Amino acid sequence: MEPTHQTTQQLMVSLIEAWKESGQSQISFCKEKNIAYHRFHYYLKKYNERTQPSDGSLFSQVNVPPSNFGGGSIEVVYPDGRKVIFHQPIEVSFLRNLLA
């Protein structure tokens, strides 16, 4: 029996949400769930199209407090799943410039 468009969409949404909650990289999630990496990216693109603001903007507002980041690490996750991780303290001004 062929899956319907609606069941495919439900599968897509549940997989992307499961990946977001898992904290795993996209590649390890795909390997664990036995999903082709290119199919995952197709689902992610469709998911983002459904959940992004309809104003056409691909940017999200980021509010950074006006103090220096004190320690540990900081992670910036883009809507498409890409991550930038800093493993040392960074200046807030540097982060602002990076995201501008």
PDB file of N, CA and C in Angstrom:
ATOM      1  N   MET A   1       0.841  -1.177   0.000  1.00  0.00           N
ATOM      2  CA  MET A   1       0.000   0.000   0.000  1.00  0.00           C
ATOM      3  C   MET A   1       0.885   1.238   0.000  1.00  0.00           C
ATOM      4  N   GLU A   2       0.633   2.159  -0.920  1.00  0.00           N
ATOM      5  CA  GLU A   2       1.397   3.394  -1.052  1.00  0.00           C
ATOM      6  C   GLU A   2       1.057   4.356   0.081  1.00  0.00           C
ATOM      7  N   PRO A   3       2.071   4.997   0.684  1.00  0.00           N
ATOM      8  CA  PRO A   3       1.759   6.017   1.686  1.00  0.00           C
ATOM      9  C   PRO A   3       1.135   7.237   1.022  1.00  0.00           C
ATOM     10  N   THR A   4       0.179   7.834   1.700  1.00  0.00           N
ATOM     11  CA  THR A   4      -0.468   9.031   1.166  1.00  0.00           C
ATOM     12  C   THR A   4       0.407  10.241   1.430  1.00  0.00           C
ATOM     13  N   HIS A   5       0.088  11.343   0.748  1.00  0.00           N
ATOM     14  CA  HIS A   5       0.826  12.592   0.944  1.00  0.00           C
ATOM     15  C   HIS A   5       0.754  13.018   2.408  1.00  0.00           C
ATOM     16  N   GLN A   6      -0.408  12.847   3.021  1.00  0.00           N
ATOM     17  CA  GLN A   6      -0.582  13.258   4.411  1.00  0.00           C
ATOM     18  C   GLN A   6       0.265  12.396   5.352  1.00  0.00           C
ATOM     19  N   THR A   7       0.317  11.085   5.130  1.00  0.00           N
ATOM     20  CA  THR A   7       1.125  10.245   6.016  1.00  0.00           C
ATOM     21  C   THR A   7       2.610  10.516   5.819  1.00  0.00           C
ATOM     22  N   THR A   8       3.017  10.849   4.592  1.00  0.00           N
ATOM     23  CA  THR A   8       4.416  11.215   4.354  1.00  0.00           C
ATOM     24  C   THR A   8       4.757  12.498   5.099  1.00  0.00           C
ATOM     25  N   GLN A   9       3.847  13.477   5.074  1.00  0.00           N
ATOM     26  CA  GLN A   9       4.078  14.722   5.803  1.00  0.00           C
ATOM     27  C   GLN A   9       4.149  14.471   7.299  1.00  0.00           C
ATOM     28  N   GLN A  10       3.296  13.628   7.818  1.00  0.00           N
ATOM     29  CA  GLN A  10       3.313  13.314   9.241  1.00  0.00           C
ATOM     30  C   GLN A  10       4.636  12.636   9.623  1.00  0.00           C
ATOM     31  N   LEU A  11       5.104  11.738   8.767  1.00  0.00           N
ATOM     32  CA  LEU A  11       6.383  11.073   8.999  1.00  0.00           C
ATOM     33  C   LEU A  11       7.505  12.092   9.001  1.00  0.00           C
ATOM     34  N   MET A  12       7.485  13.004   8.016  1.00  0.00           N
ATOM     35  CA  MET A  12       8.504  14.040   7.906  1.00  0.00           C
ATOM     36  C   MET A  12       8.555  14.879   9.178  1.00  0.00           C
ATOM     37  N   VAL A  13       7.414  15.362   9.614  1.00  0.00           N
ATOM     38  CA  VAL A  13       7.358  16.219  10.803  1.00  0.00           C
ATOM     39  C   VAL A  13       7.840  15.459  12.034  1.00  0.00           C
ATOM     40  N   SER A  14       7.407  14.230  12.201  1.00  0.00           N
ATOM     41  CA  SER A  14       7.807  13.471  13.390  1.00  0.00           C
ATOM     42  C   SER A  14       9.307  13.164  13.386  1.00  0.00           C
ATOM     43  N   LEU A  15       9.882  12.879  12.220  1.00  0.00           N
ATOM     44  CA  LEU A  15      11.321  12.613  12.153  1.00  0.00           C
ATOM     45  C   LEU A  15      12.137  13.855  12.480  1.00  0.00           C
ATOM     46  N   ILE A  16      11.768  14.994  11.916  1.00  0.00           N
ATOM     47  CA  ILE A  16      12.528  16.225  12.159  1.00  0.00           C
ATOM     48  C   ILE A  16      12.411  16.631  13.621  1.00  0.00           C
ATOM     49  N   GLU A  17      11.220  16.536  14.189  1.00  0.00           N
ATOM     50  CA  GLU A  17      11.051  16.883  15.598  1.00  0.00           C
ATOM     51  C   GLU A  17      11.807  15.916  16.498  1.00  0.00           C
ATOM     52  N   ALA A  18      11.837  14.645  16.137  1.00  0.00           N
ATOM     53  CA  ALA A  18      12.602  13.669  16.919  1.00  0.00           C
ATOM     54  C   ALA A  18      14.090  13.990  16.848  1.00  0.00           C
ATOM     55  N   TRP A  19      14.575  14.382  15.656  1.00  0.00           N
ATOM     56  CA  TRP A  19      15.985  14.761  15.531  1.00  0.00           C
ATOM     57  C   TRP A  19      16.291  15.979  16.388  1.00  0.00           C
ATOM     58  N   LYS A  20      15.426  16.999  16.347  1.00  0.00           N
ATOM     59  CA  LYS A  20      15.664  18.216  17.134  1.00  0.00           C
ATOM     60  C   LYS A  20      15.745  17.899  18.630  1.00  0.00           C
ATOM     61  N   GLU A  21      14.904  17.014  19.102  1.00  0.00           N
ATOM     62  CA  GLU A  21      14.887  16.656  20.517  1.00  0.00           C
ATOM     63  C   GLU A  21      16.052  15.743  20.904  1.00  0.00           C
ATOM     64  N   SER A  22      16.616  15.042  19.921  1.00  0.00           N
ATOM     65  CA  SER A  22      17.643  14.047  20.220  1.00  0.00           C
ATOM     66  C   SER A  22      18.984  14.664  20.594  1.00  0.00           C
ATOM     67  N   GLY A  23      19.286  15.845  20.068  1.00  0.00           N
ATOM     68  CA  GLY A  23      20.581  16.453  20.303  1.00  0.00           C
ATOM     69  C   GLY A  23      21.700  15.825  19.477  1.00  0.00           C
ATOM     70  N   GLN A  24      21.347  14.895  18.611  1.00  0.00           N
ATOM     71  CA  GLN A  24      22.336  14.222  17.776  1.00  0.00           C
ATOM     72  C   GLN A  24      22.661  15.068  16.547  1.00  0.00           C
ATOM     73  N   SER A  25      23.791  14.752  15.935  1.00  0.00           N
ATOM     74  CA  SER A  25      24.088  15.358  14.636  1.00  0.00           C
ATOM     75  C   SER A  25      23.127  14.753  13.608  1.00  0.00           C
ATOM     76  N   GLN A  26      22.989  15.438  12.502  1.00  0.00           N
ATOM     77  CA  GLN A  26      22.097  14.938  11.453  1.00  0.00           C
ATOM     78  C   GLN A  26      22.570  13.576  10.938  1.00  0.00           C
ATOM     79  N   ILE A  27      23.871  13.443  10.755  1.00  0.00           N
ATOM     80  CA  ILE A  27      24.410  12.195  10.206  1.00  0.00           C
ATOM     81  C   ILE A  27      24.174  11.023  11.159  1.00  0.00           C
ATOM     82  N   SER A  28      24.461  11.209  12.440  1.00  0.00           N
ATOM     83  CA  SER A  28      24.277  10.091  13.378  1.00  0.00           C
ATOM     84  C   SER A  28      22.797   9.745  13.540  1.00  0.00           C
ATOM     85  N   PHE A  29      21.925  10.761  13.507  1.00  0.00           N
ATOM     86  CA  PHE A  29      20.491  10.500  13.589  1.00  0.00           C
ATOM     87  C   PHE A  29      20.041   9.669  12.387  1.00  0.00           C
ATOM     88  N   CYS A  30      20.494  10.058  11.189  1.00  0.00           N
ATOM     89  CA  CYS A  30      20.113   9.326   9.977  1.00  0.00           C
ATOM     90  C   CYS A  30      20.594   7.885  10.016  1.00  0.00           C
ATOM     91  N   LYS A  31      21.827   7.681  10.503  1.00  0.00           N
ATOM     92  CA  LYS A  31      22.358   6.317  10.603  1.00  0.00           C
ATOM     93  C   LYS A  31      21.541   5.493  11.581  1.00  0.00           C
ATOM     94  N   GLU A  32      21.224   6.094  12.739  1.00  0.00           N
ATOM     95  CA  GLU A  32      20.457   5.372  13.756  1.00  0.00           C
ATOM     96  C   GLU A  32      19.066   4.998  13.262  1.00  0.00           C
ATOM     97  N   LYS A  33      18.432   5.892  12.515  1.00  0.00           N
ATOM     98  CA  LYS A  33      17.066   5.660  12.041  1.00  0.00           C
ATOM     99  C   LYS A  33      17.011   5.014  10.658  1.00  0.00           C
ATOM    100  N   ASN A  34      18.207   4.745  10.092  1.00  0.00           N
ATOM    101  CA  ASN A  34      18.301   4.140   8.765  1.00  0.00           C
ATOM    102  C   ASN A  34      17.559   4.966   7.703  1.00  0.00           C
ATOM    103  N   ILE A  35      17.867   6.279   7.706  1.00  0.00           N
ATOM    104  CA  ILE A  35      17.273   7.219   6.760  1.00  0.00           C
ATOM    105  C   ILE A  35      18.392   7.733   5.865  1.00  0.00           C
ATOM    106  N   ALA A  36      18.141   7.777   4.559  1.00  0.00           N
ATOM    107  CA  ALA A  36      19.134   8.337   3.646  1.00  0.00           C
ATOM    108  C   ALA A  36      19.326   9.814   3.991  1.00  0.00           C
ATOM    109  N   TYR A  37      20.595  10.231   4.056  1.00  0.00           N
ATOM    110  CA  TYR A  37      20.925  11.607   4.448  1.00  0.00           C
ATOM    111  C   TYR A  37      20.259  12.624   3.517  1.00  0.00           C
ATOM    112  N   HIS A  38      20.236  12.359   2.214  1.00  0.00           N
ATOM    113  CA  HIS A  38      19.610  13.299   1.283  1.00  0.00           C
ATOM    114  C   HIS A  38      18.103  13.390   1.511  1.00  0.00           C
ATOM    115  N   ARG A  39      17.476  12.302   1.901  1.00  0.00           N
ATOM    116  CA  ARG A  39      16.030  12.325   2.185  1.00  0.00           C
ATOM    117  C   ARG A  39      15.756  13.151   3.447  1.00  0.00           C
ATOM    118  N   PHE A  40      16.631  12.974   4.450  1.00  0.00           N
ATOM    119  CA  PHE A  40      16.502  13.767   5.675  1.00  0.00           C
ATOM    120  C   PHE A  40      16.553  15.255   5.348  1.00  0.00           C
ATOM    121  N   HIS A  41      17.500  15.662   4.490  1.00  0.00           N
ATOM    122  CA  HIS A  41      17.620  17.081   4.142  1.00  0.00           C
ATOM    123  C   HIS A  41      16.418  17.574   3.351  1.00  0.00           C
ATOM    124  N   TYR A  42      15.843  16.724   2.534  1.00  0.00           N
ATOM    125  CA  TYR A  42      14.616  17.086   1.827  1.00  0.00           C
ATOM    126  C   TYR A  42      13.506  17.323   2.852  1.00  0.00           C
ATOM    127  N   TYR A  43      13.357  16.414   3.809  1.00  0.00           N
ATOM    128  CA  TYR A  43      12.347  16.575   4.861  1.00  0.00           C
ATOM    129  C   TYR A  43      12.602  17.839   5.672  1.00  0.00           C
ATOM    130  N   LEU A  44      13.878  18.085   6.012  1.00  0.00           N
ATOM    131  CA  LEU A  44      14.221  19.266   6.798  1.00  0.00           C
ATOM    132  C   LEU A  44      13.868  20.545   6.039  1.00  0.00           C
ATOM    133  N   LYS A  45      14.149  20.575   4.749  1.00  0.00           N
ATOM    134  CA  LYS A  45      13.811  21.744   3.923  1.00  0.00           C
ATOM    135  C   LYS A  45      12.302  21.965   3.923  1.00  0.00           C
ATOM    136  N   LYS A  46      11.539  20.910   3.696  1.00  0.00           N
ATOM    137  CA  LYS A  46      10.074  21.027   3.683  1.00  0.00           C
ATOM    138  C   LYS A  46       9.541  21.427   5.055  1.00  0.00           C
ATOM    139  N   TYR A  47      10.122  20.868   6.106  1.00  0.00           N
ATOM    140  CA  TYR A  47       9.722  21.205   7.474  1.00  0.00           C
ATOM    141  C   TYR A  47       9.962  22.690   7.732  1.00  0.00           C
ATOM    142  N   ASN A  48      11.154  23.179   7.359  1.00  0.00           N
ATOM    143  CA  ASN A  48      11.486  24.590   7.570  1.00  0.00           C
ATOM    144  C   ASN A  48      10.576  25.510   6.759  1.00  0.00           C
ATOM    145  N   GLU A  49      10.218  25.108   5.557  1.00  0.00           N
ATOM    146  CA  GLU A  49       9.297  25.911   4.750  1.00  0.00           C
ATOM    147  C   GLU A  49       7.941  26.040   5.442  1.00  0.00           C
ATOM    148  N   ARG A  50       7.526  24.987   6.115  1.00  0.00           N
ATOM    149  CA  ARG A  50       6.233  25.005   6.812  1.00  0.00           C
ATOM    150  C   ARG A  50       6.265  25.798   8.103  1.00  0.00           C
ATOM    151  N   THR A  51       7.434  25.833   8.762  1.00  0.00           N
ATOM    152  CA  THR A  51       7.495  26.434  10.086  1.00  0.00           C
ATOM    153  C   THR A  51       8.134  27.809  10.116  1.00  0.00           C
ATOM    154  N   GLN A  52       8.774  28.244   9.027  1.00  0.00           N
ATOM    155  CA  GLN A  52       9.419  29.559   9.002  1.00  0.00           C
ATOM    156  C   GLN A  52       8.365  30.643   8.848  1.00  0.00           C
ATOM    157  N   PRO A  53       8.668  31.857   9.302  1.00  0.00           N
ATOM    158  CA  PRO A  53       7.743  32.962   9.123  1.00  0.00           C
ATOM    159  C   PRO A  53       7.461  33.185   7.634  1.00  0.00           C
ATOM    160  N   SER A  54       6.244  33.574   7.337  1.00  0.00           N
ATOM    161  CA  SER A  54       5.840  33.742   5.940  1.00  0.00           C
ATOM    162  C   SER A  54       6.263  35.083   5.357  1.00  0.00           C
ATOM    163  N   ASP A  55       7.042  35.891   6.096  1.00  0.00           N
ATOM    164  CA  ASP A  55       7.479  37.181   5.571  1.00  0.00           C
ATOM    165  C   ASP A  55       8.648  37.050   4.606  1.00  0.00           C
ATOM    166  N   GLY A  56       9.094  35.829   4.329  1.00  0.00           N
ATOM    167  CA  GLY A  56      10.174  35.602   3.389  1.00  0.00           C
ATOM    168  C   GLY A  56      11.553  35.712   4.007  1.00  0.00           C
ATOM    169  N   SER A  57      11.625  36.109   5.251  1.00  0.00           N
ATOM    170  CA  SER A  57      12.913  36.280   5.906  1.00  0.00           C
ATOM    171  C   SER A  57      13.474  34.929   6.318  1.00  0.00           C
ATOM    172  N   LEU A  58      14.751  34.748   6.104  1.00  0.00           N
ATOM    173  CA  LEU A  58      15.426  33.532   6.541  1.00  0.00           C
ATOM    174  C   LEU A  58      16.172  33.752   7.847  1.00  0.00           C
ATOM    175  N   PHE A  59      16.008  34.939   8.439  1.00  0.00           N
ATOM    176  CA  PHE A  59      16.723  35.274   9.655  1.00  0.00           C
ATOM    177  C   PHE A  59      15.791  35.237  10.854  1.00  0.00           C
ATOM    178  N   SER A  60      16.356  34.905  11.984  1.00  0.00           N
ATOM    179  CA  SER A  60      15.624  34.915  13.236  1.00  0.00           C
ATOM    180  C   SER A  60      16.261  35.958  14.142  1.00  0.00           C
ATOM    181  N   GLN A  61      15.440  36.618  14.934  1.00  0.00           N
ATOM    182  CA  GLN A  61      15.969  37.601  15.863  1.00  0.00           C
ATOM    183  C   GLN A  61      16.678  36.889  17.000  1.00  0.00           C
ATOM    184  N   VAL A  62      17.853  37.393  17.358  1.00  0.00           N
ATOM    185  CA  VAL A  62      18.623  36.847  18.471  1.00  0.00           C
ATOM    186  C   VAL A  62      18.834  37.967  19.467  1.00  0.00           C
ATOM    187  N   ASN A  63      18.442  37.751  20.700  1.00  0.00           N
ATOM    188  CA  ASN A  63      18.663  38.724  21.756  1.00  0.00           C
ATOM    189  C   ASN A  63      19.838  38.266  22.601  1.00  0.00           C
ATOM    190  N   VAL A  64      20.861  39.104  22.684  1.00  0.00           N
ATOM    191  CA  VAL A  64      22.056  38.794  23.452  1.00  0.00           C
ATOM    192  C   VAL A  64      22.151  39.798  24.589  1.00  0.00           C
ATOM    193  N   PRO A  65      22.249  39.328  25.825  1.00  0.00           N
ATOM    194  CA  PRO A  65      22.364  40.266  26.937  1.00  0.00           C
ATOM    195  C   PRO A  65      23.632  41.107  26.804  1.00  0.00           C
ATOM    196  N   PRO A  66      23.636  42.321  27.345  1.00  0.00           N
ATOM    197  CA  PRO A  66      24.768  43.230  27.146  1.00  0.00           C
ATOM    198  C   PRO A  66      25.982  42.947  28.026  1.00  0.00           C
ATOM    199  N   SER A  67      26.179  41.726  28.462  1.00  0.00           N
ATOM    200  CA  SER A  67      27.349  41.396  29.270  1.00  0.00           C
ATOM    201  C   SER A  67      28.189  40.355  28.540  1.00  0.00           C
ATOM    202  N   ASN A  68      29.393  40.148  29.025  1.00  0.00           N
ATOM    203  CA  ASN A  68      30.263  39.139  28.432  1.00  0.00           C
ATOM    204  C   ASN A  68      29.793  37.752  28.828  1.00  0.00           C
ATOM    205  N   PHE A  69      29.979  36.803  27.947  1.00  0.00           N
ATOM    206  CA  PHE A  69      29.661  35.410  28.227  1.00  0.00           C
ATOM    207  C   PHE A  69      30.715  34.890  29.179  1.00  0.00           C
ATOM    208  N   GLY A  70      30.281  34.278  30.275  1.00  0.00           N
ATOM    209  CA  GLY A  70      31.200  33.961  31.346  1.00  0.00           C
ATOM    210  C   GLY A  70      32.001  32.691  31.232  1.00  0.00           C
ATOM    211  N   GLY A  71      31.533  31.644  30.637  1.00  0.00           N
ATOM    212  CA  GLY A  71      32.313  30.426  30.622  1.00  0.00           C
ATOM    213  C   GLY A  71      31.561  29.280  30.012  1.00  0.00           C
ATOM    214  N   GLY A  72      32.164  28.108  30.062  1.00  0.00           N
ATOM    215  CA  GLY A  72      31.559  26.939  29.451  1.00  0.00           C
ATOM    216  C   GLY A  72      31.658  27.008  27.946  1.00  0.00           C
ATOM    217  N   SER A  73      30.592  26.625  27.269  1.00  0.00           N
ATOM    218  CA  SER A  73      30.576  26.705  25.815  1.00  0.00           C
ATOM    219  C   SER A  73      29.261  27.310  25.370  1.00  0.00           C
ATOM    220  N   ILE A  74      29.255  27.794  24.147  1.00  0.00           N
ATOM    221  CA  ILE A  74      28.036  28.361  23.575  1.00  0.00           C
ATOM    222  C   ILE A  74      27.842  27.727  22.207  1.00  0.00           C
ATOM    223  N   GLU A  75      26.585  27.466  21.869  1.00  0.00           N
ATOM    224  CA  GLU A  75      26.255  26.811  20.613  1.00  0.00           C
ATOM    225  C   GLU A  75      25.214  27.642  19.890  1.00  0.00           C
ATOM    226  N   VAL A  76      25.473  27.923  18.612  1.00  0.00           N
ATOM    227  CA  VAL A  76      24.517  28.630  17.763  1.00  0.00           C
ATOM    228  C   VAL A  76      23.992  27.607  16.767  1.00  0.00           C
ATOM    229  N   VAL A  77      22.668  27.391  16.749  1.00  0.00           N
ATOM    230  CA  VAL A  77      22.055  26.424  15.849  1.00  0.00           C
ATOM    231  C   VAL A  77      21.206  27.186  14.841  1.00  0.00           C
ATOM    232  N   TYR A  78      21.534  27.028  13.576  1.00  0.00           N
ATOM    233  CA  TYR A  78      20.793  27.677  12.502  1.00  0.00           C
ATOM    234  C   TYR A  78      19.566  26.853  12.159  1.00  0.00           C
ATOM    235  N   PRO A  79      18.546  27.484  11.550  1.00  0.00           N
ATOM    236  CA  PRO A  79      17.308  26.761  11.236  1.00  0.00           C
ATOM    237  C   PRO A  79      17.506  25.514  10.380  1.00  0.00           C
ATOM    238  N   ASP A  80      18.553  25.480   9.562  1.00  0.00           N
ATOM    239  CA  ASP A  80      18.775  24.304   8.724  1.00  0.00           C
ATOM    240  C   ASP A  80      19.540  23.202   9.443  1.00  0.00           C
ATOM    241  N   GLY A  81      19.828  23.418  10.736  1.00  0.00           N
ATOM    242  CA  GLY A  81      20.493  22.387  11.525  1.00  0.00           C
ATOM    243  C   GLY A  81      21.988  22.558  11.676  1.00  0.00           C
ATOM    244  N   ARG A  82      22.597  23.463  10.915  1.00  0.00           N
ATOM    245  CA  ARG A  82      24.032  23.690  11.071  1.00  0.00           C
ATOM    246  C   ARG A  82      24.306  24.294  12.436  1.00  0.00           C
ATOM    247  N   LYS A  83      25.468  23.946  13.007  1.00  0.00           N
ATOM    248  CA  LYS A  83      25.825  24.423  14.340  1.00  0.00           C
ATOM    249  C   LYS A  83      27.197  25.072  14.323  1.00  0.00           C
ATOM    250  N   VAL A  84      27.346  26.108  15.133  1.00  0.00           N
ATOM    251  CA  VAL A  84      28.645  26.704  15.422  1.00  0.00           C
ATOM    252  C   VAL A  84      28.812  26.609  16.929  1.00  0.00           C
ATOM    253  N   ILE A  85      29.897  25.957  17.369  1.00  0.00           N
ATOM    254  CA  ILE A  85      30.108  25.728  18.796  1.00  0.00           C
ATOM    255  C   ILE A  85      31.411  26.397  19.212  1.00  0.00           C
ATOM    256  N   PHE A  86      31.348  27.202  20.266  1.00  0.00           N
ATOM    257  CA  PHE A  86      32.524  27.838  20.846  1.00  0.00           C
ATOM    258  C   PHE A  86      32.814  27.132  22.165  1.00  0.00           C
ATOM    259  N   HIS A  87      34.022  26.632  22.318  1.00  0.00           N
ATOM    260  CA  HIS A  87      34.406  25.900  23.523  1.00  0.00           C
ATOM    261  C   HIS A  87      35.230  26.757  24.477  1.00  0.00           C
ATOM    262  N   GLN A  88      35.124  28.043  24.328  1.00  0.00           N
ATOM    263  CA  GLN A  88      35.823  28.969  25.213  1.00  0.00           C
ATOM    264  C   GLN A  88      34.981  30.229  25.318  1.00  0.00           C
ATOM    265  N   PRO A  89      35.228  31.040  26.345  1.00  0.00           N
ATOM    266  CA  PRO A  89      34.462  32.282  26.474  1.00  0.00           C
ATOM    267  C   PRO A  89      34.679  33.184  25.259  1.00  0.00           C
ATOM    268  N   ILE A  90      33.604  33.859  24.850  1.00  0.00           N
ATOM    269  CA  ILE A  90      33.688  34.808  23.742  1.00  0.00           C
ATOM    270  C   ILE A  90      33.032  36.115  24.161  1.00  0.00           C
ATOM    271  N   GLU A  91      33.444  37.177  23.537  1.00  0.00           N
ATOM    272  CA  GLU A  91      32.845  38.477  23.796  1.00  0.00           C
ATOM    273  C   GLU A  91      31.490  38.544  23.109  1.00  0.00           C
ATOM    274  N   VAL A  92      30.543  39.174  23.762  1.00  0.00           N
ATOM    275  CA  VAL A  92      29.209  39.327  23.175  1.00  0.00           C
ATOM    276  C   VAL A  92      29.314  40.111  21.884  1.00  0.00           C
ATOM    277  N   SER A  93      30.184  41.105  21.828  1.00  0.00           N
ATOM    278  CA  SER A  93      30.344  41.902  20.601  1.00  0.00           C
ATOM    279  C   SER A  93      30.798  41.016  19.432  1.00  0.00           C
ATOM    280  N   PHE A  94      31.647  40.025  19.704  1.00  0.00           N
ATOM    281  CA  PHE A  94      32.074  39.106  18.656  1.00  0.00           C
ATOM    282  C   PHE A  94      30.887  38.290  18.137  1.00  0.00           C
ATOM    283  N   LEU A  95      30.071  37.798  19.051  1.00  0.00           N
ATOM    284  CA  LEU A  95      28.889  37.030  18.673  1.00  0.00           C
ATOM    285  C   LEU A  95      27.923  37.890  17.860  1.00  0.00           C
ATOM    286  N   ARG A  96      27.712  39.124  18.295  1.00  0.00           N
ATOM    287  CA  ARG A  96      26.833  40.036  17.553  1.00  0.00           C
ATOM    288  C   ARG A  96      27.348  40.238  16.128  1.00  0.00           C
ATOM    289  N   ASN A  97      28.664  40.473  15.982  1.00  0.00           N
ATOM    290  CA  ASN A  97      29.248  40.671  14.657  1.00  0.00           C
ATOM    291  C   ASN A  97      29.122  39.411  13.791  1.00  0.00           C
ATOM    292  N   LEU A  98      29.265  38.258  14.403  1.00  0.00           N
ATOM    293  CA  LEU A  98      29.143  37.011  13.675  1.00  0.00           C
ATOM    294  C   LEU A  98      27.732  36.817  13.140  1.00  0.00           C
ATOM    295  N   LEU A  99      26.747  37.200  13.928  1.00  0.00           N
ATOM    296  CA  LEU A  99      25.353  36.989  13.531  1.00  0.00           C
ATOM    297  C   LEU A  99      24.784  38.120  12.694  1.00  0.00           C
ATOM    298  N   ALA A 100      25.502  39.238  12.612  1.00  0.00           N
ATOM    299  CA  ALA A 100      24.996  40.393  11.854  1.00  0.00           C
ATOM    300  C   ALA A 100      25.083  40.167  10.374  1.00  0.00           C
TER     301      ALA A 100
END
